[in-house]
Full PDB file with SEQRES, HELIX, SHEET, SSBOND, CRYST1, ORIGX, SCALE, CONECT and MASTER records, all heavy atoms in Angstrom:
SEQRES   1 A   32  GLN PRO GLN ASN PRO ASP MET THR HIS VAL ILE HIS LYS          
SEQRES   2 A   32  LEU SER PHE GLY ASP LYS LEU GLN VAL HIS ASN VAL HIS          
SEQRES   3 A   32  GLY ALA PHE ASN ALA LEU                                      
CRYST1    1.000    1.000    1.000  90.00  90.00  90.00 P 1           1          
ORIGX1      1.000000  0.000000  0.000000        0.00000                         
ORIGX2      0.000000  1.000000  0.000000        0.00000                         
ORIGX3      0.000000  0.000000  1.000000        0.00000                         
SCALE1      1.000000  0.000000  0.000000        0.00000                         
SCALE2      0.000000  1.000000  0.000000        0.00000                         
SCALE3      0.000000  0.000000  1.000000        0.00000                         
ATOM      1  N   GLN A   1       2.860  73.014 -40.048  1.00  0.00           N  
ATOM      2  CA  GLN A   1       1.588  73.649 -39.698  1.00  0.00           C  
ATOM      3  C   GLN A   1       1.776  75.181 -39.552  1.00  0.00           C  
ATOM      4  O   GLN A   1       2.721  75.648 -38.887  1.00  0.00           O  
ATOM      5  CB  GLN A   1       1.031  73.105 -38.394  1.00  0.00           C  
ATOM      6  CG  GLN A   1       0.571  71.639 -38.485  1.00  0.00           C  
ATOM      7  CD  GLN A   1      -0.538  71.490 -39.484  1.00  0.00           C  
ATOM      8  OE1 GLN A   1      -1.518  72.247 -39.501  1.00  0.00           O  
ATOM      9  NE2 GLN A   1      -0.425  70.481 -40.384  1.00  0.00           N  
ATOM     10  N   PRO A   2       0.892  75.948 -40.149  1.00  0.00           N  
ATOM     11  CA  PRO A   2       0.966  77.431 -40.037  1.00  0.00           C  
ATOM     12  C   PRO A   2       0.535  77.851 -38.625  1.00  0.00           C  
ATOM     13  O   PRO A   2      -0.175  77.144 -37.926  1.00  0.00           O  
ATOM     14  CB  PRO A   2      -0.025  77.920 -41.091  1.00  0.00           C  
ATOM     15  CG  PRO A   2      -1.030  76.818 -41.224  1.00  0.00           C  
ATOM     16  CD  PRO A   2      -0.257  75.529 -41.020  1.00  0.00           C  
ATOM     17  N   GLN A   3       0.982  79.028 -38.264  1.00  0.00           N  
ATOM     18  CA  GLN A   3       0.671  79.534 -36.928  1.00  0.00           C  
ATOM     19  C   GLN A   3      -0.805  79.908 -36.787  1.00  0.00           C  
ATOM     20  O   GLN A   3      -1.467  79.528 -35.831  1.00  0.00           O  
ATOM     21  CB  GLN A   3       1.544  80.799 -36.630  1.00  0.00           C  
ATOM     22  CG  GLN A   3       2.971  80.478 -36.271  1.00  0.00           C  
ATOM     23  CD  GLN A   3       3.073  79.777 -34.946  1.00  0.00           C  
ATOM     24  OE1 GLN A   3       3.151  78.564 -34.866  1.00  0.00           O  
ATOM     25  NE2 GLN A   3       3.070  80.529 -33.868  1.00  0.00           N  
ATOM     26  N   ASN A   4      -1.292  80.640 -37.755  1.00  0.00           N  
ATOM     27  CA  ASN A   4      -2.682  81.105 -37.724  1.00  0.00           C  
ATOM     28  C   ASN A   4      -3.394  80.857 -39.039  1.00  0.00           C  
ATOM     29  O   ASN A   4      -3.608  81.773 -39.838  1.00  0.00           O  
ATOM     30  CB  ASN A   4      -2.737  82.596 -37.372  1.00  0.00           C  
ATOM     31  CG  ASN A   4      -2.174  82.914 -36.001  1.00  0.00           C  
ATOM     32  OD1 ASN A   4      -2.601  82.359 -34.995  1.00  0.00           O  
ATOM     33  ND2 ASN A   4      -1.214  83.825 -35.957  1.00  0.00           N  
ATOM     34  N   PRO A   5      -3.818  79.636 -39.309  1.00  0.00           N  
ATOM     35  CA  PRO A   5      -4.503  79.293 -40.555  1.00  0.00           C  
ATOM     36  C   PRO A   5      -5.873  79.990 -40.582  1.00  0.00           C  
ATOM     37  O   PRO A   5      -6.590  79.945 -39.599  1.00  0.00           O  
ATOM     38  CB  PRO A   5      -4.591  77.782 -40.560  1.00  0.00           C  
ATOM     39  CG  PRO A   5      -4.558  77.396 -39.106  1.00  0.00           C  
ATOM     40  CD  PRO A   5      -3.629  78.429 -38.469  1.00  0.00           C  
ATOM     41  N   ASP A   6      -6.188  80.577 -41.716  1.00  0.00           N  
ATOM     42  CA  ASP A   6      -7.445  81.320 -41.895  1.00  0.00           C  
ATOM     43  C   ASP A   6      -8.443  80.417 -42.622  1.00  0.00           C  
ATOM     44  O   ASP A   6      -8.272  80.117 -43.797  1.00  0.00           O  
ATOM     45  CB  ASP A   6      -7.197  82.607 -42.675  1.00  0.00           C  
ATOM     46  CG  ASP A   6      -8.405  83.488 -42.774  1.00  0.00           C  
ATOM     47  OD1 ASP A   6      -9.539  82.995 -42.657  1.00  0.00           O  
ATOM     48  OD2 ASP A   6      -8.229  84.742 -42.967  1.00  0.00           O  
ATOM     49  N   MET A   7      -9.510  80.015 -41.898  1.00  0.00           N  
ATOM     50  CA  MET A   7     -10.466  79.054 -42.481  1.00  0.00           C  
ATOM     51  C   MET A   7     -11.722  79.717 -43.018  1.00  0.00           C  
ATOM     52  O   MET A   7     -12.741  79.050 -43.196  1.00  0.00           O  
ATOM     53  CB  MET A   7     -10.850  78.009 -41.405  1.00  0.00           C  
ATOM     54  CG  MET A   7      -9.740  76.971 -41.197  1.00  0.00           C  
ATOM     55  SD  MET A   7      -9.482  75.973 -42.694  1.00  0.00           S  
ATOM     56  CE  MET A   7      -7.933  75.220 -42.280  1.00  0.00           C  
ATOM     57  N   THR A   8     -11.701  81.022 -43.247  1.00  0.00           N  
ATOM     58  CA  THR A   8     -12.858  81.669 -43.879  1.00  0.00           C  
ATOM     59  C   THR A   8     -12.988  81.103 -45.267  1.00  0.00           C  
ATOM     60  O   THR A   8     -11.991  80.829 -45.972  1.00  0.00           O  
ATOM     61  CB  THR A   8     -12.677  83.204 -43.932  1.00  0.00           C  
ATOM     62  OG1 THR A   8     -11.438  83.505 -44.609  1.00  0.00           O  
ATOM     63  CG2 THR A   8     -12.681  83.792 -42.538  1.00  0.00           C  
ATOM     64  N   HIS A   9     -14.250  80.888 -45.733  1.00  0.00           N  
ATOM     65  CA  HIS A   9     -14.420  80.183 -46.978  1.00  0.00           C  
ATOM     66  C   HIS A   9     -15.776  80.468 -47.616  1.00  0.00           C  
ATOM     67  O   HIS A   9     -16.681  81.038 -46.973  1.00  0.00           O  
ATOM     68  CB  HIS A   9     -14.345  78.668 -46.718  1.00  0.00           C  
ATOM     69  CG  HIS A   9     -15.391  78.164 -45.765  1.00  0.00           C  
ATOM     70  ND1 HIS A   9     -15.227  78.227 -44.391  1.00  0.00           N  
ATOM     71  CD2 HIS A   9     -16.621  77.582 -45.976  1.00  0.00           C  
ATOM     72  CE1 HIS A   9     -16.311  77.734 -43.805  1.00  0.00           C  
ATOM     73  NE2 HIS A   9     -17.149  77.346 -44.746  1.00  0.00           N  
ATOM     74  N   VAL A  10     -15.900  80.017 -48.850  1.00  0.00           N  
ATOM     75  CA  VAL A  10     -17.171  80.028 -49.559  1.00  0.00           C  
ATOM     76  C   VAL A  10     -17.368  78.617 -50.203  1.00  0.00           C  
ATOM     77  O   VAL A  10     -16.431  78.128 -50.854  1.00  0.00           O  
ATOM     78  CB  VAL A  10     -17.235  81.097 -50.662  1.00  0.00           C  
ATOM     79  CG1 VAL A  10     -18.559  81.014 -51.461  1.00  0.00           C  
ATOM     80  CG2 VAL A  10     -17.086  82.485 -50.092  1.00  0.00           C  
ATOM     81  N   ILE A  11     -18.529  78.052 -49.976  1.00  0.00           N  
ATOM     82  CA  ILE A  11     -18.775  76.736 -50.592  1.00  0.00           C  
ATOM     83  C   ILE A  11     -19.572  76.922 -51.876  1.00  0.00           C  
ATOM     84  O   ILE A  11     -20.668  77.500 -51.855  1.00  0.00           O  
ATOM     85  CB  ILE A  11     -19.556  75.828 -49.603  1.00  0.00           C  
ATOM     86  CG1 ILE A  11     -18.766  75.613 -48.327  1.00  0.00           C  
ATOM     87  CG2 ILE A  11     -19.905  74.455 -50.244  1.00  0.00           C  
ATOM     88  CD1 ILE A  11     -19.528  74.867 -47.241  1.00  0.00           C  
ATOM     89  N   HIS A  12     -19.012  76.477 -52.974  1.00  0.00           N  
ATOM     90  CA  HIS A  12     -19.647  76.585 -54.263  1.00  0.00           C  
ATOM     91  C   HIS A  12     -20.562  75.404 -54.566  1.00  0.00           C  
ATOM     92  O   HIS A  12     -21.637  75.501 -55.123  1.00  0.00           O  
ATOM     93  CB  HIS A  12     -18.616  76.755 -55.401  1.00  0.00           C  
ATOM     94  CG  HIS A  12     -17.637  77.835 -55.159  1.00  0.00           C  
ATOM     95  ND1 HIS A  12     -18.017  79.171 -55.122  1.00  0.00           N  
ATOM     96  CD2 HIS A  12     -16.306  77.797 -54.899  1.00  0.00           C  
ATOM     97  CE1 HIS A  12     -16.926  79.930 -54.852  1.00  0.00           C  
ATOM     98  NE2 HIS A  12     -15.923  79.114 -54.725  1.00  0.00           N  
ATOM     99  N   LYS A  13     -20.053  74.219 -54.101  1.00  0.00           N  
ATOM    100  CA  LYS A  13     -20.833  72.995 -54.379  1.00  0.00           C  
ATOM    101  C   LYS A  13     -20.469  71.916 -53.385  1.00  0.00           C  
ATOM    102  O   LYS A  13     -19.312  71.676 -53.078  1.00  0.00           O  
ATOM    103  CB  LYS A  13     -20.570  72.489 -55.832  1.00  0.00           C  
ATOM    104  CG  LYS A  13     -21.370  71.275 -56.228  1.00  0.00           C  
ATOM    105  CD  LYS A  13     -21.035  70.879 -57.658  1.00  0.00           C  
ATOM    106  CE  LYS A  13     -21.901  69.679 -58.110  1.00  0.00           C  
ATOM    107  NZ  LYS A  13     -21.609  69.272 -59.487  1.00  0.00           N  
ATOM    108  N   LEU A  14     -21.527  71.244 -52.903  1.00  0.00           N  
ATOM    109  CA  LEU A  14     -21.343  69.973 -52.215  1.00  0.00           C  
ATOM    110  C   LEU A  14     -22.508  69.102 -52.562  1.00  0.00           C  
ATOM    111  O   LEU A  14     -23.662  69.402 -52.195  1.00  0.00           O  
ATOM    112  CB  LEU A  14     -21.280  70.185 -50.704  1.00  0.00           C  
ATOM    113  CG  LEU A  14     -21.185  68.861 -49.883  1.00  0.00           C  
ATOM    114  CD1 LEU A  14     -19.936  68.105 -50.247  1.00  0.00           C  
ATOM    115  CD2 LEU A  14     -21.229  69.098 -48.401  1.00  0.00           C  
ATOM    116  N   SER A  15     -22.295  68.070 -53.375  1.00  0.00           N  
ATOM    117  CA  SER A  15     -23.362  67.209 -53.821  1.00  0.00           C  
ATOM    118  C   SER A  15     -22.909  65.732 -53.728  1.00  0.00           C  
ATOM    119  O   SER A  15     -21.740  65.439 -53.673  1.00  0.00           O  
ATOM    120  CB  SER A  15     -23.780  67.528 -55.283  1.00  0.00           C  
ATOM    121  OG  SER A  15     -22.694  67.305 -56.159  1.00  0.00           O  
ATOM    122  N   PHE A  16     -23.926  64.811 -53.717  1.00  0.00           N  
ATOM    123  CA  PHE A  16     -23.715  63.420 -53.516  1.00  0.00           C  
ATOM    124  C   PHE A  16     -24.422  62.660 -54.655  1.00  0.00           C  
ATOM    125  O   PHE A  16     -25.568  62.981 -54.978  1.00  0.00           O  
ATOM    126  CB  PHE A  16     -24.191  62.950 -52.156  1.00  0.00           C  
ATOM    127  CG  PHE A  16     -23.595  63.624 -50.990  1.00  0.00           C  
ATOM    128  CD1 PHE A  16     -24.089  64.828 -50.501  1.00  0.00           C  
ATOM    129  CD2 PHE A  16     -22.467  63.098 -50.356  1.00  0.00           C  
ATOM    130  CE1 PHE A  16     -23.526  65.465 -49.437  1.00  0.00           C  
ATOM    131  CE2 PHE A  16     -21.877  63.745 -49.277  1.00  0.00           C  
ATOM    132  CZ  PHE A  16     -22.391  64.925 -48.789  1.00  0.00           C  
ATOM    133  N   GLY A  17     -23.726  61.642 -55.214  1.00  0.00           N  
ATOM    134  CA  GLY A  17     -24.367  60.793 -56.225  1.00  0.00           C  
ATOM    135  C   GLY A  17     -24.507  61.449 -57.550  1.00  0.00           C  
ATOM    136  O   GLY A  17     -23.845  62.454 -57.871  1.00  0.00           O  
ATOM    137  N   ASP A  18     -25.394  60.873 -58.395  1.00  0.00           N  
ATOM    138  CA  ASP A  18     -25.632  61.397 -59.755  1.00  0.00           C  
ATOM    139  C   ASP A  18     -26.261  62.796 -59.681  1.00  0.00           C  
ATOM    140  O   ASP A  18     -26.993  63.132 -58.768  1.00  0.00           O  
ATOM    141  CB  ASP A  18     -26.603  60.466 -60.530  1.00  0.00           C  
ATOM    142  CG  ASP A  18     -25.972  59.099 -60.759  1.00  0.00           C  
ATOM    143  OD1 ASP A  18     -24.735  58.994 -60.685  1.00  0.00           O  
ATOM    144  OD2 ASP A  18     -26.726  58.159 -61.001  1.00  0.00           O  
ATOM    145  N   LYS A  19     -25.934  63.585 -60.733  1.00  0.00           N  
ATOM    146  CA  LYS A  19     -26.537  64.861 -60.871  1.00  0.00           C  
ATOM    147  C   LYS A  19     -27.920  64.804 -61.492  1.00  0.00           C  
ATOM    148  O   LYS A  19     -28.076  64.163 -62.568  1.00  0.00           O  
ATOM    149  CB  LYS A  19     -25.640  65.786 -61.704  1.00  0.00           C  
ATOM    150  CG  LYS A  19     -26.124  67.232 -61.761  1.00  0.00           C  
ATOM    151  CD  LYS A  19     -25.155  68.077 -62.586  1.00  0.00           C  
ATOM    152  CE  LYS A  19     -25.610  69.559 -62.614  1.00  0.00           C  
ATOM    153  NZ  LYS A  19     -24.687  70.408 -63.392  1.00  0.00           N  
ATOM    154  N   LEU A  20     -28.945  65.313 -60.837  1.00  0.00           N  
ATOM    155  CA  LEU A  20     -30.275  65.311 -61.390  1.00  0.00           C  
ATOM    156  C   LEU A  20     -30.646  66.715 -61.914  1.00  0.00           C  
ATOM    157  O   LEU A  20     -30.653  67.663 -61.160  1.00  0.00           O  
ATOM    158  CB  LEU A  20     -31.311  64.875 -60.339  1.00  0.00           C  
ATOM    159  CG  LEU A  20     -31.211  63.467 -59.814  1.00  0.00           C  
ATOM    160  CD1 LEU A  20     -32.344  63.209 -58.814  1.00  0.00           C  
ATOM    161  CD2 LEU A  20     -31.337  62.459 -60.947  1.00  0.00           C  
ATOM    162  N   GLN A  21     -30.914  66.806 -63.193  1.00  0.00           N  
ATOM    163  CA  GLN A  21     -31.354  68.055 -63.781  1.00  0.00           C  
ATOM    164  C   GLN A  21     -32.797  67.886 -64.231  1.00  0.00           C  
ATOM    165  O   GLN A  21     -33.088  67.713 -65.390  1.00  0.00           O  
ATOM    166  CB  GLN A  21     -30.454  68.442 -64.958  1.00  0.00           C  
ATOM    167  CG  GLN A  21     -29.069  68.866 -64.538  1.00  0.00           C  
ATOM    168  CD  GLN A  21     -28.225  69.296 -65.700  1.00  0.00           C  
ATOM    169  OE1 GLN A  21     -28.242  68.709 -66.794  1.00  0.00           O  
ATOM    170  NE2 GLN A  21     -27.462  70.390 -65.526  1.00  0.00           N  
ATOM    171  N   VAL A  22     -33.692  67.923 -63.270  1.00  0.00           N  
ATOM    172  CA  VAL A  22     -35.130  67.758 -63.516  1.00  0.00           C  
ATOM    173  C   VAL A  22     -35.822  69.004 -63.028  1.00  0.00           C  
ATOM    174  O   VAL A  22     -35.759  69.301 -61.787  1.00  0.00           O  
ATOM    175  CB  VAL A  22     -35.662  66.504 -62.845  1.00  0.00           C  
ATOM    176  CG1 VAL A  22     -37.113  66.279 -63.214  1.00  0.00           C  
ATOM    177  CG2 VAL A  22     -34.833  65.292 -63.262  1.00  0.00           C  
ATOM    178  N   HIS A  23     -36.550  69.674 -63.877  1.00  0.00           N  
ATOM    179  CA  HIS A  23     -37.165  70.967 -63.528  1.00  0.00           C  
ATOM    180  C   HIS A  23     -38.260  70.804 -62.511  1.00  0.00           C  
ATOM    181  O   HIS A  23     -38.480  71.686 -61.630  1.00  0.00           O  
ATOM    182  CB  HIS A  23     -37.750  71.636 -64.778  1.00  0.00           C  
ATOM    183  CG  HIS A  23     -36.668  72.010 -65.784  1.00  0.00           C  
ATOM    184  ND1 HIS A  23     -35.659  72.880 -65.538  1.00  0.00           N  
ATOM    185  CD2 HIS A  23     -36.476  71.589 -67.065  1.00  0.00           C  
ATOM    186  CE1 HIS A  23     -34.874  72.977 -66.594  1.00  0.00           C  
ATOM    187  NE2 HIS A  23     -35.340  72.187 -67.534  1.00  0.00           N  
ATOM    188  N   ASN A  24     -38.998  69.718 -62.534  1.00  0.00           N  
ATOM    189  CA  ASN A  24     -40.135  69.552 -61.651  1.00  0.00           C  
ATOM    190  C   ASN A  24     -39.787  69.010 -60.248  1.00  0.00           C  
ATOM    191  O   ASN A  24     -40.698  68.853 -59.442  1.00  0.00           O  
ATOM    192  CB  ASN A  24     -41.169  68.652 -62.310  1.00  0.00           C  
ATOM    193  CG  ASN A  24     -41.802  69.232 -63.557  1.00  0.00           C  
ATOM    194  OD1 ASN A  24     -41.845  70.480 -63.691  1.00  0.00           O  
ATOM    195  ND2 ASN A  24     -42.205  68.382 -64.490  1.00  0.00           N  
ATOM    196  N   VAL A  25     -38.519  68.704 -60.036  1.00  0.00           N  
ATOM    197  CA  VAL A  25     -38.113  68.190 -58.748  1.00  0.00           C  
ATOM    198  C   VAL A  25     -37.274  69.297 -58.052  1.00  0.00           C  
ATOM    199  O   VAL A  25     -36.149  69.584 -58.507  1.00  0.00           O  
ATOM    200  CB  VAL A  25     -37.286  66.882 -58.867  1.00  0.00           C  
ATOM    201  CG1 VAL A  25     -36.749  66.457 -57.546  1.00  0.00           C  
ATOM    202  CG2 VAL A  25     -38.153  65.783 -59.470  1.00  0.00           C  
ATOM    203  N   HIS A  26     -37.820  69.834 -56.979  1.00  0.00           N  
ATOM    204  CA  HIS A  26     -37.091  70.874 -56.272  1.00  0.00           C  
ATOM    205  C   HIS A  26     -36.642  70.273 -54.938  1.00  0.00           C  
ATOM    206  O   HIS A  26     -37.450  70.183 -53.971  1.00  0.00           O  
ATOM    207  CB  HIS A  26     -38.016  72.090 -56.062  1.00  0.00           C  
ATOM    208  CG  HIS A  26     -38.536  72.657 -57.311  1.00  0.00           C  
ATOM    209  ND1 HIS A  26     -37.728  73.378 -58.181  1.00  0.00           N  
ATOM    210  CD2 HIS A  26     -39.745  72.632 -57.874  1.00  0.00           C  
ATOM    211  CE1 HIS A  26     -38.456  73.776 -59.227  1.00  0.00           C  
ATOM    212  NE2 HIS A  26     -39.706  73.310 -59.072  1.00  0.00           N  
ATOM    213  N   GLY A  27     -35.431  69.861 -54.889  1.00  0.00           N  
ATOM    214  CA  GLY A  27     -34.914  69.226 -53.654  1.00  0.00           C  
ATOM    215  C   GLY A  27     -33.621  69.865 -53.205  1.00  0.00           C  
ATOM    216  O   GLY A  27     -33.068  70.743 -53.850  1.00  0.00           O  
ATOM    217  N   ALA A  28     -33.119  69.415 -52.061  1.00  0.00           N  
ATOM    218  CA  ALA A  28     -31.909  69.977 -51.473  1.00  0.00           C  
ATOM    219  C   ALA A  28     -30.741  69.139 -51.929  1.00  0.00           C  
ATOM    220  O   ALA A  28     -30.040  68.503 -51.071  1.00  0.00           O  
ATOM    221  CB  ALA A  28     -32.051  69.989 -49.935  1.00  0.00           C  
ATOM    222  N   PHE A  29     -30.429  69.111 -53.195  1.00  0.00           N  
ATOM    223  CA  PHE A  29     -29.317  68.322 -53.728  1.00  0.00           C  
ATOM    224  C   PHE A  29     -28.010  69.046 -53.579  1.00  0.00           C  
ATOM    225  O   PHE A  29     -26.937  68.422 -53.625  1.00  0.00           O  
ATOM    226  CB  PHE A  29     -29.555  67.996 -55.239  1.00  0.00           C  
ATOM    227  CG  PHE A  29     -30.742  67.107 -55.467  1.00  0.00           C  
ATOM    228  CD1 PHE A  29     -31.938  67.633 -55.831  1.00  0.00           C  
ATOM    229  CD2 PHE A  29     -30.662  65.736 -55.282  1.00  0.00           C  
ATOM    230  CE1 PHE A  29     -33.075  66.846 -56.049  1.00  0.00           C  
ATOM    231  CE2 PHE A  29     -31.744  64.904 -55.482  1.00  0.00           C  
ATOM    232  CZ  PHE A  29     -32.926  65.461 -55.875  1.00  0.00           C  
ATOM    233  N   ASN A  30     -28.031  70.371 -53.410  1.00  0.00           N  
ATOM    234  CA  ASN A  30     -26.821  71.152 -53.204  1.00  0.00           C  
ATOM    235  C   ASN A  30     -27.126  72.247 -52.161  1.00  0.00           C  
ATOM    236  O   ASN A  30     -26.980  73.420 -52.434  1.00  0.00           O  
ATOM    237  CB  ASN A  30     -26.359  71.759 -54.563  1.00  0.00           C  
ATOM    238  CG  ASN A  30     -25.004  72.394 -54.464  1.00  0.00           C  
ATOM    239  OD1 ASN A  30     -24.249  72.219 -53.523  1.00  0.00           O  
ATOM    240  ND2 ASN A  30     -24.656  73.164 -55.495  1.00  0.00           N  
ATOM    241  N   ALA A  31     -27.540  71.762 -50.997  1.00  0.00           N  
ATOM    242  CA  ALA A  31     -28.054  72.664 -49.974  1.00  0.00           C  
ATOM    243  C   ALA A  31     -27.021  73.683 -49.493  1.00  0.00           C  
ATOM    244  O   ALA A  31     -27.387  74.763 -49.021  1.00  0.00           O  
ATOM    245  CB  ALA A  31     -28.569  71.838 -48.804  1.00  0.00           C  
ATOM    246  N   LEU A  32     -25.740  73.367 -49.602  1.00  0.00           N  
ATOM    247  CA  LEU A  32     -24.717  74.288 -49.116  1.00  0.00           C  
ATOM    248  C   LEU A  32     -24.179  75.239 -50.172  1.00  0.00           C  
ATOM    249  O   LEU A  32     -23.251  75.992 -49.911  1.00  0.00           O  
ATOM    250  CB  LEU A  32     -23.534  73.486 -48.516  1.00  0.00           C  
ATOM    251  CG  LEU A  32     -23.714  73.058 -47.068  1.00  0.00           C  
ATOM    252  CD1 LEU A  32     -22.595  72.139 -46.633  1.00  0.00           C  
ATOM    253  CD2 LEU A  32     -23.782  74.274 -46.150  1.00  0.00           C  
TER     254      LEU A  32                                                      
MASTER        0    0    0    0    0    0    0    6  253    1    0    3          
END                                                                             
């Protein structure tokens, strides 16, 4: 274990299930 691990980060993608590419549906599929 490191002494001082740096957990600063950027989330590019967090998604669940199948990917939906539908223009008329605006949902929180990748809210982060």
